[in-house]
Amino acid sequence: MTTFHPFPTLPAELRHQIWDLAVREDRPGVHFFILSNLEQDEHKPDQAHDISVCRYPLVVATGRSWNATSPLYNSGYLSTYMADSGMWTACQESRQAMERKFKTAYWRSRRDNLDLGTLSTGVGLENSPSTLAVRVANEQRYISIFPEVDLFLLQPSDPRSINWNCIQAETPLLSLSGGLKVNNLAFEFQPHDKSWEIAIDDDFCRMDTLVGCVARTAGDPSFIGNIWFIDHRLQRVAASPQLGNSDADQRQYSKDCDDGRCEFYSNDCRFVEVRKDDTEWTTGDAWAEGEEPVTVFDFVAEVNNAMETFYLDPRGYSDNCYGMQSDWLYPKLRVLACEAL
C-alpha cells in the first residue's frame, strides 16, 4: 500500500525541491494592469487594489475580457504576478524558494554596491527582478516582475481620463521616482472601436484616441523599447505547427528579441510575435458590407508613417506632441497574437 507522508515530515531537501518546482517557469511573463484615473474614470472597477504612488494608479487586477466597446473585468488571462503572490506569503519555505528564483540576495548585494548616480540609471542592474508590495484588503501582497523582459499590458478603462502626455511621471511602474524601466508595453488592438481610428493630421496626438495615447507614450525617451499591439483576431492556421518549448527557449530571453520572435506567457496563454509576411497566421474577423477591412499591420504601418511625420520630420512640429528631433528613435511598434496553452 502506498503511504503518503504529511508534507512537513518530508526531508528538507525534498520539500525545497517541491517548492522550487512550484515556482513559475523561467520565461518572460505577462502582467495585466488596469490604468485608471480613480478621480475621473466612470468605468473604474468596483474593487480597485491600486498602486497609488502617483496621480494615476495602476489597478491590480487579474485581467479584462477583450470587448470592442466596453471594459469588462473578470478572471481571464491570469497575470503572472498572481501566481507569484501566493508563493511569497504561503510559508517561510515558499518564500525562500522565491528568493532563490529571483536571486534576491545577489541583486540586493549588487544594489548596495552601486552609488546613487549609477543606481538611478539602472546600469549594472540589467535583467534584475523587482518586487512590489501592494495592500489588498488587509493583506500585504507581492508582485514580482522582470522589467527588461516581461510584458506589461495596460488596460485603460477610460483612455480620455489619462494624461498620456505625462504617462511616465504619473504612473507608478513607469515613474522616474521609484519606478521601473519597462521594456515591453502592450495594448489590446480593437479595430472596431472608434478610439483606435487614425487621424493623420494636426490632431494626430489628440487625447480622445488610443492612437494619440500611444504616440504620446512613445515620445518619452526614458523608457520602453517596444510597444506591442495584441490582436485577438489573429488565429494560427490549422496546419501550422507550434514551436516546442526547446525552440522557444532559444530566443525568449533576448531583451530586444533580435535573435528571433518574442514570446510572453501568462498563466493560461502564450503571446506570440506575428509579422506581416507570416503565412501561419490569419485574421478571422467579420466586417460589415462596404466596410474597409483594417489589419493590425495596416494600423502599425499607418501609425509608423504618422509618427515619422510628427517626430522625425526635419522641419519639426513643436506644436504637435513633442516636436522630437529628426534623429529621434521612438519605440518599435510590433504585433502579438494570443493562444491558449
C-alpha atoms as a PDB file:
ATOM      1  CA  MET A   1       0.000   0.000   0.000  1.00  0.00           C
ATOM      2  CA  THR A   2       1.290   3.470  -0.903  1.00  0.00           C
ATOM      3  CA  THR A   3       1.943   5.735   2.041  1.00  0.00           C
ATOM      4  CA  PHE A   4       1.502   9.484   1.708  1.00  0.00           C
ATOM      5  CA  HIS A   5       3.553  11.419   4.240  1.00  0.00           C
ATOM      6  CA  PRO A   6       2.443  14.817   5.517  1.00  0.00           C
ATOM      7  CA  PHE A   7       4.427  17.497   3.711  1.00  0.00           C
ATOM      8  CA  PRO A   8       6.085  18.903   6.868  1.00  0.00           C
ATOM      9  CA  THR A   9       7.543  15.482   7.692  1.00  0.00           C
ATOM     10  CA  LEU A  10       9.318  15.115   4.343  1.00  0.00           C
ATOM     11  CA  PRO A  11      13.086  15.682   4.299  1.00  0.00           C
ATOM     12  CA  ALA A  12      14.008  19.359   3.958  1.00  0.00           C
ATOM     13  CA  GLU A  13      15.859  18.759   0.682  1.00  0.00           C
ATOM     14  CA  LEU A  14      12.757  17.163  -0.848  1.00  0.00           C
ATOM     15  CA  ARG A  15      10.498  19.965   0.395  1.00  0.00           C
ATOM     16  CA  HIS A  16      12.835  22.534  -1.158  1.00  0.00           C
ATOM     17  CA  GLN A  17      12.742  20.703  -4.493  1.00  0.00           C
ATOM     18  CA  ILE A  18       8.939  20.626  -4.411  1.00  0.00           C
ATOM     19  CA  TRP A  19       8.731  24.334  -3.652  1.00  0.00           C
ATOM     20  CA  ASP A  20      11.219  25.095  -6.443  1.00  0.00           C
ATOM     21  CA  LEU A  21       9.007  23.168  -8.873  1.00  0.00           C
ATOM     22  CA  ALA A  22       6.004  25.202  -7.721  1.00  0.00           C
ATOM     23  CA  VAL A  23       7.653  28.466  -8.781  1.00  0.00           C
ATOM     24  CA  ARG A  24       6.661  29.683 -12.250  1.00  0.00           C
ATOM     25  CA  GLU A  25       8.774  28.675 -15.198  1.00  0.00           C
ATOM     26  CA  ASP A  26      11.817  30.712 -16.143  1.00  0.00           C
ATOM     27  CA  ARG A  27      10.333  32.552 -19.129  1.00  0.00           C
ATOM     28  CA  PRO A  28       9.038  36.071 -19.877  1.00  0.00           C
ATOM     29  CA  GLY A  29       5.761  36.717 -18.085  1.00  0.00           C
ATOM     30  CA  VAL A  30       2.690  38.836 -18.803  1.00  0.00           C
ATOM     31  CA  HIS A  31       1.327  41.316 -16.293  1.00  0.00           C
ATOM     32  CA  PHE A  32      -2.097  42.939 -16.678  1.00  0.00           C
ATOM     33  CA  PHE A  33      -2.713  46.325 -15.098  1.00  0.00           C
ATOM     34  CA  ILE A  34      -5.799  48.480 -15.384  1.00  0.00           C
ATOM     35  CA  LEU A  35      -4.682  52.072 -15.813  1.00  0.00           C
ATOM     36  CA  SER A  36      -7.266  54.298 -14.237  1.00  0.00           C
ATOM     37  CA  ASN A  37      -7.774  57.841 -13.050  1.00  0.00           C
ATOM     38  CA  LEU A  38      -9.785  57.000  -9.948  1.00  0.00           C
ATOM     39  CA  GLU A  39     -10.963  60.596  -9.574  1.00  0.00           C
ATOM     40  CA  GLN A  40     -12.446  60.973 -13.066  1.00  0.00           C
ATOM     41  CA  ASP A  41     -12.845  57.494 -14.540  1.00  0.00           C
ATOM     42  CA  GLU A  42     -16.505  56.456 -14.772  1.00  0.00           C
ATOM     43  CA  HIS A  43     -15.536  52.901 -15.803  1.00  0.00           C
ATOM     44  CA  LYS A  44     -13.136  52.103 -12.985  1.00  0.00           C
ATOM     45  CA  PRO A  45     -13.572  48.652 -11.398  1.00  0.00           C
ATOM     46  CA  ASP A  46     -15.664  48.438  -8.242  1.00  0.00           C
ATOM     47  CA  GLN A  47     -12.839  46.848  -6.259  1.00  0.00           C
ATOM     48  CA  ALA A  48      -9.632  48.664  -7.064  1.00  0.00           C
ATOM     49  CA  HIS A  49      -6.495  47.332  -5.388  1.00  0.00           C
ATOM     50  CA  ASP A  50      -4.318  50.132  -6.614  1.00  0.00           C
ATOM     51  CA  ILE A  51      -0.671  51.070  -6.568  1.00  0.00           C
ATOM     52  CA  SER A  52      -1.404  54.708  -5.827  1.00  0.00           C
ATOM     53  CA  VAL A  53       2.052  56.233  -5.533  1.00  0.00           C
ATOM     54  CA  CYS A  54       1.396  58.597  -8.424  1.00  0.00           C
ATOM     55  CA  ARG A  55      -1.537  60.507  -9.823  1.00  0.00           C
ATOM     56  CA  TYR A  56      -2.892  57.689 -11.996  1.00  0.00           C
ATOM     57  CA  PRO A  57      -2.993  54.384 -10.118  1.00  0.00           C
ATOM     58  CA  LEU A  58      -2.370  51.057 -11.738  1.00  0.00           C
ATOM     59  CA  VAL A  59      -5.141  48.806 -10.548  1.00  0.00           C
ATOM     60  CA  VAL A  60      -4.007  45.298  -9.709  1.00  0.00           C
ATOM     61  CA  ALA A  61      -6.470  43.030 -11.466  1.00  0.00           C
ATOM     62  CA  THR A  62      -6.461  39.559 -12.950  1.00  0.00           C
ATOM     63  CA  GLY A  63      -7.391  40.804 -16.387  1.00  0.00           C
ATOM     64  CA  ARG A  64     -10.075  42.043 -18.699  1.00  0.00           C
ATOM     65  CA  SER A  65     -12.125  40.246 -21.294  1.00  0.00           C
ATOM     66  CA  TRP A  66     -11.477  41.710 -24.719  1.00  0.00           C
ATOM     67  CA  ASN A  67     -14.509  43.673 -25.800  1.00  0.00           C
ATOM     68  CA  ALA A  68     -14.761  46.172 -28.614  1.00  0.00           C
ATOM     69  CA  THR A  69     -16.974  48.659 -26.827  1.00  0.00           C
ATOM     70  CA  SER A  70     -16.702  48.450 -23.059  1.00  0.00           C
ATOM     71  CA  PRO A  71     -14.286  47.376 -20.330  1.00  0.00           C
ATOM     72  CA  LEU A  72     -15.274  44.097 -18.700  1.00  0.00           C
ATOM     73  CA  TYR A  73     -13.149  42.941 -15.809  1.00  0.00           C
ATOM     74  CA  ASN A  74     -13.030  39.275 -14.856  1.00  0.00           C
ATOM     75  CA  SER A  75     -10.634  36.444 -14.022  1.00  0.00           C
ATOM     76  CA  GLY A  76      -9.466  35.752 -17.581  1.00  0.00           C
ATOM     77  CA  TYR A  77      -5.834  35.879 -18.648  1.00  0.00           C
ATOM     78  CA  LEU A  78      -4.369  35.484 -15.183  1.00  0.00           C
ATOM     79  CA  SER A  79      -1.346  37.674 -14.730  1.00  0.00           C
ATOM     80  CA  THR A  80       1.966  36.057 -13.947  1.00  0.00           C
ATOM     81  CA  TYR A  81       2.214  38.113 -10.783  1.00  0.00           C
ATOM     82  CA  MET A  82      -0.915  36.409  -9.422  1.00  0.00           C
ATOM     83  CA  ALA A  83       0.889  33.064  -9.321  1.00  0.00           C
ATOM     84  CA  ASP A  84       3.926  34.608  -7.669  1.00  0.00           C
ATOM     85  CA  SER A  85       1.979  36.439  -4.999  1.00  0.00           C
ATOM     86  CA  GLY A  86       0.833  33.340  -3.152  1.00  0.00           C
ATOM     87  CA  MET A  87       4.322  31.867  -3.179  1.00  0.00           C
ATOM     88  CA  TRP A  88       5.742  34.885  -1.381  1.00  0.00           C
ATOM     89  CA  THR A  89       3.310  34.566   1.526  1.00  0.00           C
ATOM     90  CA  ALA A  90       2.395  30.857   1.819  1.00  0.00           C
ATOM     91  CA  CYS A  91       5.141  30.000   4.303  1.00  0.00           C
ATOM     92  CA  GLN A  92       8.806  30.549   5.045  1.00  0.00           C
ATOM     93  CA  GLU A  93       9.959  27.765   2.717  1.00  0.00           C
ATOM     94  CA  SER A  94       7.869  29.022  -0.216  1.00  0.00           C
ATOM     95  CA  ARG A  95       9.310  32.494   0.307  1.00  0.00           C
ATOM     96  CA  GLN A  96      12.819  31.041   0.308  1.00  0.00           C
ATOM     97  CA  ALA A  97      12.028  29.316  -2.988  1.00  0.00           C
ATOM     98  CA  MET A  98      11.001  32.667  -4.474  1.00  0.00           C
ATOM     99  CA  GLU A  99      14.189  34.263  -3.148  1.00  0.00           C
ATOM    100  CA  ARG A 100      16.222  31.539  -4.842  1.00  0.00           C
ATOM    101  CA  LYS A 101      14.278  32.014  -8.058  1.00  0.00           C
ATOM    102  CA  PHE A 102      14.682  35.777  -8.128  1.00  0.00           C
ATOM    103  CA  LYS A 103      18.212  35.728  -6.646  1.00  0.00           C
ATOM    104  CA  THR A 104      17.266  38.393  -4.142  1.00  0.00           C
ATOM    105  CA  ALA A 105      20.492  38.143  -2.133  1.00  0.00           C
ATOM    106  CA  TYR A 106      22.619  38.570  -5.257  1.00  0.00           C
ATOM    107  CA  TRP A 107      20.716  41.563  -6.590  1.00  0.00           C
ATOM    108  CA  ARG A 108      20.491  43.159  -3.133  1.00  0.00           C
ATOM    109  CA  SER A 109      24.267  42.972  -2.931  1.00  0.00           C
ATOM    110  CA  ARG A 110      24.609  44.489  -6.403  1.00  0.00           C
ATOM    111  CA  ARG A 111      22.356  47.413  -5.480  1.00  0.00           C
ATOM    112  CA  ASP A 112      24.133  48.018  -2.182  1.00  0.00           C
ATOM    113  CA  ASN A 113      27.458  48.331  -4.012  1.00  0.00           C
ATOM    114  CA  LEU A 114      26.240  50.891  -6.581  1.00  0.00           C
ATOM    115  CA  ASP A 115      26.408  54.617  -5.981  1.00  0.00           C
ATOM    116  CA  LEU A 116      23.229  56.665  -6.205  1.00  0.00           C
ATOM    117  CA  GLY A 117      24.075  58.113  -9.613  1.00  0.00           C
ATOM    118  CA  THR A 118      24.631  54.712 -11.181  1.00  0.00           C
ATOM    119  CA  LEU A 119      21.633  53.239  -9.366  1.00  0.00           C
ATOM    120  CA  SER A 120      19.298  55.827 -10.894  1.00  0.00           C
ATOM    121  CA  THR A 121      20.375  54.882 -14.422  1.00  0.00           C
ATOM    122  CA  GLY A 122      19.944  51.138 -13.914  1.00  0.00           C
ATOM    123  CA  VAL A 123      23.400  50.405 -15.312  1.00  0.00           C
ATOM    124  CA  GLY A 124      24.658  47.186 -13.753  1.00  0.00           C
ATOM    125  CA  LEU A 125      21.130  46.070 -12.904  1.00  0.00           C
ATOM    126  CA  GLU A 126      20.041  44.896 -16.342  1.00  0.00           C
ATOM    127  CA  ASN A 127      17.725  41.864 -16.170  1.00  0.00           C
ATOM    128  CA  SER A 128      17.356  42.251 -12.414  1.00  0.00           C
ATOM    129  CA  PRO A 129      13.918  41.409 -10.975  1.00  0.00           C
ATOM    130  CA  SER A 130      11.771  43.779  -8.954  1.00  0.00           C
ATOM    131  CA  THR A 131       9.180  43.027  -6.299  1.00  0.00           C
ATOM    132  CA  LEU A 132       6.426  45.479  -5.384  1.00  0.00           C
ATOM    133  CA  ALA A 133       4.354  45.348  -2.198  1.00  0.00           C
ATOM    134  CA  VAL A 134       0.615  46.024  -2.594  1.00  0.00           C
ATOM    135  CA  ARG A 135      -2.133  46.215   0.007  1.00  0.00           C
ATOM    136  CA  VAL A 136      -5.148  44.092  -0.958  1.00  0.00           C
ATOM    137  CA  ALA A 137      -7.869  44.469   1.671  1.00  0.00           C
ATOM    138  CA  ASN A 138      -5.917  43.907   4.892  1.00  0.00           C
ATOM    139  CA  GLU A 139      -3.251  41.702   3.365  1.00  0.00           C
ATOM    140  CA  GLN A 140       0.178  42.535   2.040  1.00  0.00           C
ATOM    141  CA  ARG A 141       0.631  41.035  -1.433  1.00  0.00           C
ATOM    142  CA  TYR A 142       3.746  40.941  -3.586  1.00  0.00           C
ATOM    143  CA  ILE A 143       4.151  41.404  -7.326  1.00  0.00           C
ATOM    144  CA  SER A 144       7.356  40.058  -8.852  1.00  0.00           C
ATOM    145  CA  ILE A 145       8.391  41.193 -12.303  1.00  0.00           C
ATOM    146  CA  PHE A 146      11.355  41.305 -14.684  1.00  0.00           C
ATOM    147  CA  PRO A 147      11.086  44.827 -16.172  1.00  0.00           C
ATOM    148  CA  GLU A 148      13.523  44.186 -19.019  1.00  0.00           C
ATOM    149  CA  VAL A 149      11.891  41.041 -20.461  1.00  0.00           C
ATOM    150  CA  ASP A 150       8.300  40.781 -19.144  1.00  0.00           C
ATOM    151  CA  LEU A 151       5.275  42.174 -20.989  1.00  0.00           C
ATOM    152  CA  PHE A 152       3.191  44.872 -19.283  1.00  0.00           C
ATOM    153  CA  LEU A 153      -0.314  45.119 -20.676  1.00  0.00           C
ATOM    154  CA  LEU A 154      -2.008  48.396 -19.789  1.00  0.00           C
ATOM    155  CA  GLN A 155      -5.776  48.297 -19.996  1.00  0.00           C
ATOM    156  CA  PRO A 156      -7.012  51.903 -19.776  1.00  0.00           C
ATOM    157  CA  SER A 157     -10.588  51.716 -18.590  1.00  0.00           C
ATOM    158  CA  ASP A 158     -11.161  55.230 -19.928  1.00  0.00           C
ATOM    159  CA  PRO A 159      -8.279  56.499 -22.097  1.00  0.00           C
ATOM    160  CA  ARG A 160      -9.686  60.023 -22.140  1.00  0.00           C
ATOM    161  CA  SER A 161      -9.242  60.403 -18.374  1.00  0.00           C
ATOM    162  CA  ILE A 162      -5.489  59.765 -18.528  1.00  0.00           C
ATOM    163  CA  ASN A 163      -2.940  62.476 -19.259  1.00  0.00           C
ATOM    164  CA  TRP A 164      -0.813  60.384 -21.604  1.00  0.00           C
ATOM    165  CA  ASN A 165       1.493  63.295 -22.170  1.00  0.00           C
ATOM    166  CA  CYS A 166       2.831  62.673 -18.644  1.00  0.00           C
ATOM    167  CA  ILE A 167       2.419  58.904 -18.551  1.00  0.00           C
ATOM    168  CA  GLN A 168       5.897  58.288 -17.185  1.00  0.00           C
ATOM    169  CA  ALA A 169       5.720  60.812 -14.371  1.00  0.00           C
ATOM    170  CA  GLU A 170       2.190  59.884 -13.344  1.00  0.00           C
ATOM    171  CA  THR A 171       2.223  56.062 -13.426  1.00  0.00           C
ATOM    172  CA  PRO A 172       3.909  54.062 -10.638  1.00  0.00           C
ATOM    173  CA  LEU A 173       5.657  51.382 -12.703  1.00  0.00           C
ATOM    174  CA  LEU A 174       6.973  53.927 -15.189  1.00  0.00           C
ATOM    175  CA  SER A 175       7.824  56.789 -12.866  1.00  0.00           C
ATOM    176  CA  LEU A 176      11.408  58.018 -12.689  1.00  0.00           C
ATOM    177  CA  SER A 177      10.842  58.369  -8.946  1.00  0.00           C
ATOM    178  CA  GLY A 178      10.996  54.788  -7.741  1.00  0.00           C
ATOM    179  CA  GLY A 179       9.603  53.332 -10.934  1.00  0.00           C
ATOM    180  CA  LEU A 180      10.966  50.679 -13.299  1.00  0.00           C
ATOM    181  CA  LYS A 181      12.425  50.773 -16.778  1.00  0.00           C
ATOM    182  CA  VAL A 182       9.792  48.724 -18.553  1.00  0.00           C
ATOM    183  CA  ASN A 183      10.942  47.489 -21.947  1.00  0.00           C
ATOM    184  CA  ASN A 184       7.729  45.908 -23.330  1.00  0.00           C
ATOM    185  CA  LEU A 185       4.463  47.825 -23.103  1.00  0.00           C
ATOM    186  CA  ALA A 186       1.285  46.391 -24.660  1.00  0.00           C
ATOM    187  CA  PHE A 187      -2.224  47.461 -25.618  1.00  0.00           C
ATOM    188  CA  GLU A 188      -5.128  45.386 -26.937  1.00  0.00           C
ATOM    189  CA  PHE A 189      -5.910  46.355 -30.535  1.00  0.00           C
ATOM    190  CA  GLN A 190      -9.628  46.969 -31.038  1.00  0.00           C
ATOM    191  CA  PRO A 191     -10.222  47.796 -34.729  1.00  0.00           C
ATOM    192  CA  HIS A 192     -13.988  48.334 -34.433  1.00  0.00           C
ATOM    193  CA  ASP A 193     -13.607  50.877 -31.628  1.00  0.00           C
ATOM    194  CA  LYS A 194     -13.608  54.497 -32.825  1.00  0.00           C
ATOM    195  CA  SER A 195     -10.930  55.383 -30.283  1.00  0.00           C
ATOM    196  CA  TRP A 196      -8.496  53.408 -32.461  1.00  0.00           C
ATOM    197  CA  GLU A 197      -9.147  55.472 -35.560  1.00  0.00           C
ATOM    198  CA  ILE A 198      -6.086  57.092 -37.078  1.00  0.00           C
ATOM    199  CA  ALA A 199      -6.233  60.816 -37.779  1.00  0.00           C
ATOM    200  CA  ILE A 200      -3.093  61.723 -39.701  1.00  0.00           C
ATOM    201  CA  ASP A 201      -3.469  65.440 -39.389  1.00  0.00           C
ATOM    202  CA  ASP A 202      -2.799  68.149 -36.847  1.00  0.00           C
ATOM    203  CA  ASP A 203      -4.908  66.208 -34.351  1.00  0.00           C
ATOM    204  CA  PHE A 204      -2.850  63.006 -34.641  1.00  0.00           C
ATOM    205  CA  CYS A 205      -1.902  63.189 -30.956  1.00  0.00           C
ATOM    206  CA  ARG A 206      -5.301  64.192 -29.659  1.00  0.00           C
ATOM    207  CA  MET A 207      -6.208  62.715 -26.314  1.00  0.00           C
ATOM    208  CA  ASP A 208      -9.502  61.029 -27.215  1.00  0.00           C
ATOM    209  CA  THR A 209      -7.923  58.281 -29.348  1.00  0.00           C
ATOM    210  CA  LEU A 210      -5.738  55.341 -28.396  1.00  0.00           C
ATOM    211  CA  VAL A 211      -3.503  56.221 -31.326  1.00  0.00           C
ATOM    212  CA  GLY A 212      -2.823  59.602 -29.812  1.00  0.00           C
ATOM    213  CA  CYS A 213      -2.192  57.959 -26.454  1.00  0.00           C
ATOM    214  CA  VAL A 214       0.310  55.569 -27.973  1.00  0.00           C
ATOM    215  CA  ALA A 215       2.002  58.408 -29.844  1.00  0.00           C
ATOM    216  CA  ARG A 216       2.433  60.415 -26.684  1.00  0.00           C
ATOM    217  CA  THR A 217       3.640  57.383 -24.759  1.00  0.00           C
ATOM    218  CA  ALA A 218       6.187  56.612 -27.470  1.00  0.00           C
ATOM    219  CA  GLY A 219       7.508  60.140 -27.221  1.00  0.00           C
ATOM    220  CA  ASP A 220       9.032  59.645 -23.785  1.00  0.00           C
ATOM    221  CA  PRO A 221      12.762  58.989 -24.230  1.00  0.00           C
ATOM    222  CA  SER A 222      13.411  57.409 -20.850  1.00  0.00           C
ATOM    223  CA  PHE A 223      11.675  54.045 -21.140  1.00  0.00           C
ATOM    224  CA  ILE A 224      10.075  51.418 -23.383  1.00  0.00           C
ATOM    225  CA  GLY A 225      11.856  49.685 -26.231  1.00  0.00           C
ATOM    226  CA  ASN A 226       8.772  48.014 -27.748  1.00  0.00           C
ATOM    227  CA  ILE A 227       5.095  48.899 -27.893  1.00  0.00           C
ATOM    228  CA  TRP A 228       3.048  45.802 -28.691  1.00  0.00           C
ATOM    229  CA  PHE A 229      -0.452  45.584 -30.125  1.00  0.00           C
ATOM    230  CA  ILE A 230      -2.301  42.396 -29.201  1.00  0.00           C
ATOM    231  CA  ASP A 231      -4.768  41.428 -31.925  1.00  0.00           C
ATOM    232  CA  HIS A 232      -7.165  38.798 -30.597  1.00  0.00           C
ATOM    233  CA  ARG A 233      -8.445  38.166 -34.131  1.00  0.00           C
ATOM    234  CA  LEU A 234      -5.166  36.539 -35.167  1.00  0.00           C
ATOM    235  CA  GLN A 235      -5.515  32.769 -35.334  1.00  0.00           C
ATOM    236  CA  ARG A 236      -2.967  30.133 -36.158  1.00  0.00           C
ATOM    237  CA  VAL A 237      -3.648  28.282 -39.411  1.00  0.00           C
ATOM    238  CA  ALA A 238      -4.776  24.745 -38.601  1.00  0.00           C
ATOM    239  CA  ALA A 239      -1.891  23.030 -40.385  1.00  0.00           C
ATOM    240  CA  SER A 240       0.701  25.374 -38.916  1.00  0.00           C
ATOM    241  CA  PRO A 241       2.948  23.663 -36.330  1.00  0.00           C
ATOM    242  CA  GLN A 242       3.559  25.267 -32.957  1.00  0.00           C
ATOM    243  CA  LEU A 243       7.128  25.657 -31.857  1.00  0.00           C
ATOM    244  CA  GLY A 244       8.134  23.468 -28.960  1.00  0.00           C
ATOM    245  CA  ASN A 245       9.465  24.808 -25.686  1.00  0.00           C
ATOM    246  CA  SER A 246      13.028  23.895 -26.659  1.00  0.00           C
ATOM    247  CA  ASP A 247      12.756  26.152 -29.723  1.00  0.00           C
ATOM    248  CA  ALA A 248      11.154  28.957 -27.741  1.00  0.00           C
ATOM    249  CA  ASP A 249      13.821  28.786 -25.055  1.00  0.00           C
ATOM    250  CA  GLN A 250      16.461  29.688 -27.639  1.00  0.00           C
ATOM    251  CA  ARG A 251      15.013  33.138 -28.155  1.00  0.00           C
ATOM    252  CA  GLN A 252      12.741  34.307 -25.380  1.00  0.00           C
ATOM    253  CA  TYR A 253      15.371  35.824 -23.109  1.00  0.00           C
ATOM    254  CA  SER A 254      16.663  38.373 -25.585  1.00  0.00           C
ATOM    255  CA  LYS A 255      15.704  41.841 -24.422  1.00  0.00           C
ATOM    256  CA  ASP A 256      15.145  43.090 -27.977  1.00  0.00           C
ATOM    257  CA  CYS A 257      14.198  39.708 -29.489  1.00  0.00           C
ATOM    258  CA  ASP A 258      16.635  40.357 -32.320  1.00  0.00           C
ATOM    259  CA  ASP A 259      17.602  36.689 -32.462  1.00  0.00           C
ATOM    260  CA  GLY A 260      14.056  35.517 -33.117  1.00  0.00           C
ATOM    261  CA  ARG A 261      10.425  36.107 -32.235  1.00  0.00           C
ATOM    262  CA  CYS A 262       9.396  37.252 -28.798  1.00  0.00           C
ATOM    263  CA  GLU A 263       7.071  35.145 -26.684  1.00  0.00           C
ATOM    264  CA  PHE A 264       5.444  36.045 -23.373  1.00  0.00           C
ATOM    265  CA  TYR A 265       3.469  33.770 -21.051  1.00  0.00           C
ATOM    266  CA  SER A 266       0.563  34.437 -18.720  1.00  0.00           C
ATOM    267  CA  ASN A 267      -0.829  31.672 -16.529  1.00  0.00           C
ATOM    268  CA  ASP A 268      -3.104  30.358 -19.275  1.00  0.00           C
ATOM    269  CA  CYS A 269      -1.997  31.966 -22.536  1.00  0.00           C
ATOM    270  CA  ARG A 270       1.016  32.475 -24.738  1.00  0.00           C
ATOM    271  CA  PHE A 271       1.523  35.744 -26.591  1.00  0.00           C
ATOM    272  CA  VAL A 272       3.487  35.165 -29.788  1.00  0.00           C
ATOM    273  CA  GLU A 273       5.032  37.776 -32.051  1.00  0.00           C
ATOM    274  CA  VAL A 274       3.458  37.812 -35.518  1.00  0.00           C
ATOM    275  CA  ARG A 275       4.925  39.576 -38.550  1.00  0.00           C
ATOM    276  CA  LYS A 276       3.279  40.919 -41.665  1.00  0.00           C
ATOM    277  CA  ASP A 277       4.791  38.331 -44.003  1.00  0.00           C
ATOM    278  CA  ASP A 278       3.815  35.339 -41.842  1.00  0.00           C
ATOM    279  CA  THR A 279       1.743  32.657 -43.546  1.00  0.00           C
ATOM    280  CA  GLU A 280       0.894  30.563 -40.486  1.00  0.00           C
ATOM    281  CA  TRP A 281      -1.459  33.189 -39.030  1.00  0.00           C
ATOM    282  CA  THR A 282      -4.756  34.532 -40.315  1.00  0.00           C
ATOM    283  CA  THR A 283      -7.166  37.235 -39.237  1.00  0.00           C
ATOM    284  CA  GLY A 284     -10.566  35.697 -38.547  1.00  0.00           C
ATOM    285  CA  ASP A 285     -12.822  38.699 -38.356  1.00  0.00           C
ATOM    286  CA  ALA A 286     -16.108  39.787 -39.894  1.00  0.00           C
ATOM    287  CA  TRP A 287     -16.582  43.204 -41.472  1.00  0.00           C
ATOM    288  CA  ALA A 288     -19.827  44.900 -42.420  1.00  0.00           C
ATOM    289  CA  GLU A 289     -20.690  45.220 -46.107  1.00  0.00           C
ATOM    290  CA  GLY A 290     -18.930  48.226 -47.567  1.00  0.00           C
ATOM    291  CA  GLU A 291     -16.583  48.497 -44.586  1.00  0.00           C
ATOM    292  CA  GLU A 292     -12.895  48.505 -45.462  1.00  0.00           C
ATOM    293  CA  PRO A 293     -11.010  45.750 -43.595  1.00  0.00           C
ATOM    294  CA  VAL A 294      -8.120  47.011 -41.489  1.00  0.00           C
ATOM    295  CA  THR A 295      -5.471  44.597 -40.308  1.00  0.00           C
ATOM    296  CA  VAL A 296      -3.289  45.272 -37.312  1.00  0.00           C
ATOM    297  CA  PHE A 297      -0.336  45.515 -39.699  1.00  0.00           C
ATOM    298  CA  ASP A 298      -2.120  48.241 -41.701  1.00  0.00           C
ATOM    299  CA  PHE A 299      -2.653  50.023 -38.418  1.00  0.00           C
ATOM    300  CA  VAL A 300       1.000  49.736 -37.353  1.00  0.00           C
ATOM    301  CA  ALA A 301       2.204  50.926 -40.766  1.00  0.00           C
ATOM    302  CA  GLU A 302      -0.052  53.981 -40.663  1.00  0.00           C
ATOM    303  CA  VAL A 303       0.966  54.849 -37.124  1.00  0.00           C
ATOM    304  CA  ASN A 304       4.634  54.491 -38.031  1.00  0.00           C
ATOM    305  CA  ASN A 305       4.189  56.798 -41.014  1.00  0.00           C
ATOM    306  CA  ALA A 306       2.313  59.338 -38.943  1.00  0.00           C
ATOM    307  CA  MET A 307       4.887  59.219 -36.154  1.00  0.00           C
ATOM    308  CA  GLU A 308       7.678  59.813 -38.655  1.00  0.00           C
ATOM    309  CA  THR A 309       5.854  62.927 -39.784  1.00  0.00           C
ATOM    310  CA  PHE A 310       5.393  64.266 -36.286  1.00  0.00           C
ATOM    311  CA  TYR A 311       8.600  63.083 -34.625  1.00  0.00           C
ATOM    312  CA  LEU A 312      11.209  62.732 -37.361  1.00  0.00           C
ATOM    313  CA  ASP A 313      10.385  65.342 -39.978  1.00  0.00           C
ATOM    314  CA  PRO A 314      13.376  67.717 -40.033  1.00  0.00           C
ATOM    315  CA  ARG A 315      11.034  70.700 -40.162  1.00  0.00           C
ATOM    316  CA  GLY A 316       9.865  69.839 -36.662  1.00  0.00           C
ATOM    317  CA  TYR A 317       6.362  70.054 -35.241  1.00  0.00           C
ATOM    318  CA  SER A 318       6.760  71.863 -31.960  1.00  0.00           C
ATOM    319  CA  ASP A 319       3.020  72.278 -31.564  1.00  0.00           C
ATOM    320  CA  ASN A 320       2.243  68.598 -32.094  1.00  0.00           C
ATOM    321  CA  CYS A 321       3.007  66.091 -29.336  1.00  0.00           C
ATOM    322  CA  TYR A 322       6.686  66.587 -28.504  1.00  0.00           C
ATOM    323  CA  GLY A 323       8.298  68.005 -31.647  1.00  0.00           C
ATOM    324  CA  MET A 324      11.167  65.476 -31.462  1.00  0.00           C
ATOM    325  CA  GLN A 325      14.485  65.888 -33.225  1.00  0.00           C
ATOM    326  CA  SER A 326      14.964  64.291 -36.648  1.00  0.00           C
ATOM    327  CA  ASP A 327      17.273  61.636 -35.208  1.00  0.00           C
ATOM    328  CA  TRP A 328      14.777  60.583 -32.561  1.00  0.00           C
ATOM    329  CA  LEU A 329      14.427  56.807 -32.230  1.00  0.00           C
ATOM    330  CA  TYR A 330      10.990  56.003 -30.868  1.00  0.00           C
ATOM    331  CA  PRO A 331       9.998  52.506 -29.681  1.00  0.00           C
ATOM    332  CA  LYS A 332       9.384  49.696 -32.152  1.00  0.00           C
ATOM    333  CA  LEU A 333       5.708  49.021 -32.861  1.00  0.00           C
ATOM    334  CA  ARG A 334       5.111  45.265 -33.009  1.00  0.00           C
ATOM    335  CA  VAL A 335       2.258  42.734 -33.054  1.00  0.00           C
ATOM    336  CA  LEU A 336       1.301  39.829 -30.796  1.00  0.00           C
ATOM    337  CA  ALA A 337      -1.227  37.033 -31.139  1.00  0.00           C
ATOM    338  CA  CYS A 338      -2.720  35.248 -28.147  1.00  0.00           C
ATOM    339  CA  GLU A 339      -3.251  31.491 -27.971  1.00  0.00           C
ATOM    340  CA  ALA A 340      -4.269  29.202 -25.139  1.00  0.00           C
ATOM    341  CA  LEU A 341      -1.657  26.973 -23.584  1.00  0.00           C
END
